[in-house]
């Protein structure tokens, strides 16, 4: 399977950087063709400019500023998002990735505004590897926007066809070494079975 890994963390020595490497290693070992999209390393610009917003509905010219990212998304049969939650939400870099890339003509068809159609129907598999600084109950109390984006919004854009997994480690602020190792192993096993 062609798998796009979208990774978003600025620190190369973080636990999340180690998770990212575990994801890549196990996907490749399972025989998948992997495109590693490291948003920070690639210098992705998350800012939706005034000009882009004004041209947001002008297809296909709306895709020009992000043509390489559009191609990578359209190439993928599976997507793995790998990111921390900050302030109970997506990191700004990843939020900007969604804001700028998931546009008309790429992620959805709005030629009939009353009947928006999904355009990521080629994606059959979605997974996320996510860390939270606080406990699960607190994330749920806050509405857990990252989980909803992956498990609801993304699935909707595939026409409800994609299988979705969400691997979360909560309360990173007090996590013990054994807990981190168990989560790392669980992520590795999940990526080895990604299909």
Protein backbone atom coordinates (compact mmCIF):
# COMPACT_ATOMS: atom_id res chain seq x y z
CA UNK A 1 0.00 0.00 0.00
CA UNK A 2 1.13 3.57 -0.66
CA UNK A 3 1.19 5.26 2.74
CA UNK A 4 1.60 8.96 3.44
CA UNK A 5 2.97 9.58 6.94
CA UNK A 6 2.23 13.13 8.08
CA UNK A 7 4.51 13.92 11.02
CA UNK A 8 4.35 17.12 13.04
CA UNK A 9 6.77 17.78 15.89
CA UNK A 10 9.62 20.33 15.99
CA UNK A 11 11.97 18.48 18.37
CA UNK A 12 14.06 15.62 16.97
CA UNK A 13 14.84 14.23 20.45
CA UNK A 14 11.21 14.04 21.61
CA UNK A 15 9.30 10.87 22.41
CA UNK A 16 7.14 11.70 19.44
CA UNK A 17 10.20 11.70 17.17
CA UNK A 18 10.89 8.15 18.39
CA UNK A 19 7.26 7.21 17.68
CA UNK A 20 7.63 8.65 14.18
CA UNK A 21 10.66 6.43 13.54
CA UNK A 22 8.79 3.40 14.90
CA UNK A 23 5.91 4.13 12.52
CA UNK A 24 8.25 4.40 9.51
CA UNK A 25 10.27 1.32 10.43
CA UNK A 26 7.24 -0.94 10.84
CA UNK A 27 5.36 0.30 7.79
CA UNK A 28 8.42 -0.29 5.61
CA UNK A 29 9.07 -3.70 7.18
CA UNK A 30 5.48 -4.64 6.33
CA UNK A 31 6.22 -3.88 2.66
CA UNK A 32 4.43 -0.57 2.30
CA UNK A 33 5.70 2.21 0.04
CA UNK A 34 6.08 5.14 2.44
CA UNK A 35 6.15 8.88 1.78
CA UNK A 36 7.41 10.57 4.96
CA UNK A 37 5.98 14.10 5.13
CA UNK A 38 7.78 15.75 8.06
CA UNK A 39 6.08 19.14 8.13
CA UNK A 40 8.75 20.88 10.22
CA UNK A 41 11.71 19.39 8.32
CA UNK A 42 10.10 20.37 5.02
CA UNK A 43 9.44 23.91 6.22
CA UNK A 44 5.72 23.64 5.48
CA UNK A 45 4.04 27.05 5.70
CA UNK A 46 0.79 26.61 7.67
CA UNK A 47 -0.49 30.13 7.02
CA UNK A 48 -3.49 30.41 4.72
CA UNK A 49 -2.73 33.73 3.04
CA UNK A 50 -5.28 36.33 2.04
CA UNK A 51 -4.65 35.53 -1.64
CA UNK A 52 -5.15 31.80 -1.07
CA UNK A 53 -8.38 32.38 0.83
CA UNK A 54 -9.72 34.67 -1.91
CA UNK A 55 -8.93 31.96 -4.48
CA UNK A 56 -10.01 29.05 -2.26
CA UNK A 57 -12.96 28.09 -4.50
CA UNK A 58 -11.18 28.72 -7.82
CA UNK A 59 -10.41 25.21 -9.05
CA UNK A 60 -7.89 24.04 -10.12
CA UNK A 61 -5.79 27.18 -9.61
CA UNK A 62 -6.42 26.95 -5.85
CA UNK A 63 -4.09 23.92 -5.84
CA UNK A 64 -1.06 25.66 -7.37
CA UNK A 65 0.55 26.94 -4.13
CA UNK A 66 0.51 23.39 -2.71
CA UNK A 67 0.83 21.30 -5.87
CA UNK A 68 3.49 18.90 -4.47
CA UNK A 69 1.42 18.28 -1.33
CA UNK A 70 -1.73 17.76 -3.40
CA UNK A 71 0.11 15.16 -5.50
CA UNK A 72 1.33 13.35 -2.39
CA UNK A 73 -2.17 13.25 -0.90
CA UNK A 74 -3.67 12.01 -4.17
CA UNK A 75 -0.93 9.34 -4.42
CA UNK A 76 -1.73 7.86 -1.00
CA UNK A 77 -3.91 4.82 -0.33
CA UNK A 78 -3.34 5.13 3.40
CA UNK A 79 -2.45 7.98 5.77
CA UNK A 80 -0.81 7.90 9.18
CA UNK A 81 -0.85 11.11 11.22
CA UNK A 82 1.80 11.33 13.93
CA UNK A 83 1.52 14.35 16.25
CA UNK A 84 1.22 15.66 19.81
CA UNK A 85 -1.78 17.58 21.08
CA UNK A 86 -1.15 21.08 22.34
CA UNK A 87 -3.85 22.99 24.21
CA UNK A 88 -6.13 20.01 23.49
CA UNK A 89 -5.85 20.60 19.75
CA UNK A 90 -3.70 20.00 16.71
CA UNK A 91 -0.31 21.70 16.56
CA UNK A 92 -0.65 24.91 14.52
CA UNK A 93 1.55 23.45 11.77
CA UNK A 94 -0.78 20.47 11.31
CA UNK A 95 -3.91 22.62 11.56
CA UNK A 96 -2.48 24.75 8.76
CA UNK A 97 -1.84 21.59 6.72
CA UNK A 98 -5.54 20.79 6.93
CA UNK A 99 -6.62 24.41 6.37
CA UNK A 100 -4.52 24.84 3.25
CA UNK A 101 -4.47 21.37 1.66
CA UNK A 102 -7.95 20.01 2.32
CA UNK A 103 -9.63 22.33 -0.16
CA UNK A 104 -12.30 22.16 -2.86
CA UNK A 105 -11.17 20.00 -5.76
CA UNK A 106 -8.75 18.08 -3.54
CA UNK A 107 -10.58 16.81 -0.45
CA UNK A 108 -14.16 17.51 -1.49
CA UNK A 109 -16.33 18.60 -4.41
CA UNK A 110 -18.60 21.56 -3.71
CA UNK A 111 -19.94 22.08 -7.22
CA UNK A 112 -23.34 21.51 -5.58
CA UNK A 113 -23.00 23.31 -2.22
CA UNK A 114 -26.09 21.55 -0.88
CA UNK A 115 -24.51 18.16 -1.57
CA UNK A 116 -20.76 18.20 -0.84
CA UNK A 117 -19.04 15.06 -2.15
CA UNK A 118 -15.90 13.47 -0.70
CA UNK A 119 -12.88 13.31 -3.01
CA UNK A 120 -10.44 11.24 -0.95
CA UNK A 121 -12.21 7.98 -1.76
CA UNK A 122 -8.90 6.44 -2.88
CA UNK A 123 -7.77 6.41 0.77
CA UNK A 124 -8.71 3.09 2.33
CA UNK A 125 -6.82 3.27 5.62
CA UNK A 126 -6.24 6.03 8.19
CA UNK A 127 -4.34 5.86 11.44
CA UNK A 128 -3.11 8.34 14.01
CA UNK A 129 -0.41 8.17 16.67
CA UNK A 130 -1.12 10.92 19.16
CA UNK A 131 0.19 12.02 22.55
CA UNK A 132 -1.63 14.13 25.13
CA UNK A 133 -0.15 15.92 28.11
CA UNK A 134 -3.28 15.49 30.20
CA UNK A 135 -5.49 12.49 31.12
CA UNK A 136 -8.11 11.11 28.77
CA UNK A 137 -11.07 12.37 30.79
CA UNK A 138 -9.80 15.92 30.43
CA UNK A 139 -9.31 15.54 26.67
CA UNK A 140 -12.85 14.16 26.38
CA UNK A 141 -14.21 17.01 28.51
CA UNK A 142 -12.58 19.47 26.10
CA UNK A 143 -14.24 17.68 23.16
CA UNK A 144 -11.05 15.98 21.92
CA UNK A 145 -10.87 17.84 18.57
CA UNK A 146 -7.84 15.87 17.27
CA UNK A 147 -9.68 12.55 17.66
CA UNK A 148 -12.74 13.95 15.87
CA UNK A 149 -10.67 15.30 12.97
CA UNK A 150 -9.04 11.91 12.39
CA UNK A 151 -11.94 9.58 13.12
CA UNK A 152 -14.85 11.65 11.79
CA UNK A 153 -13.70 14.40 9.41
CA UNK A 154 -11.06 12.33 7.63
CA UNK A 155 -13.35 9.31 7.38
CA UNK A 156 -16.08 11.51 5.91
CA UNK A 157 -13.67 12.78 3.24
CA UNK A 158 -13.06 9.16 2.17
CA UNK A 159 -16.78 8.59 1.69
CA UNK A 160 -16.95 6.72 5.03
CA UNK A 161 -14.96 3.89 3.39
CA UNK A 162 -11.63 4.06 5.18
CA UNK A 163 -10.82 1.93 8.19
CA UNK A 164 -9.63 4.24 10.98
CA UNK A 165 -7.43 3.59 14.05
CA UNK A 166 -6.54 6.14 16.70
CA UNK A 167 -3.62 5.30 18.99
CA UNK A 168 -3.41 7.74 21.89
CA UNK A 169 -1.13 7.99 24.89
CA UNK A 170 -2.58 10.23 27.58
CA UNK A 171 -0.96 12.02 30.50
CA UNK A 172 2.51 12.28 28.96
CA UNK A 173 3.42 14.75 31.71
CA UNK A 174 3.67 11.92 34.24
CA UNK A 175 4.28 8.90 31.98
CA UNK A 176 6.74 6.31 33.25
CA UNK A 177 9.39 4.60 31.14
CA UNK A 178 7.49 1.27 31.17
CA UNK A 179 4.30 3.04 30.02
CA UNK A 180 6.14 4.73 27.16
CA UNK A 181 7.74 1.44 26.11
CA UNK A 182 4.35 -0.31 26.09
CA UNK A 183 2.83 2.43 23.96
CA UNK A 184 5.79 2.33 21.56
CA UNK A 185 5.39 -1.45 21.21
CA UNK A 186 1.65 -1.08 20.63
CA UNK A 187 2.28 1.49 17.89
CA UNK A 188 4.89 -0.75 16.26
CA UNK A 189 2.48 -3.69 16.23
CA UNK A 190 -0.32 -1.57 14.81
CA UNK A 191 1.89 -0.31 11.97
CA UNK A 192 3.11 -3.86 11.24
CA UNK A 193 -0.57 -4.83 10.74
CA UNK A 194 -1.52 -1.67 8.82
CA UNK A 195 -3.58 -2.82 5.83
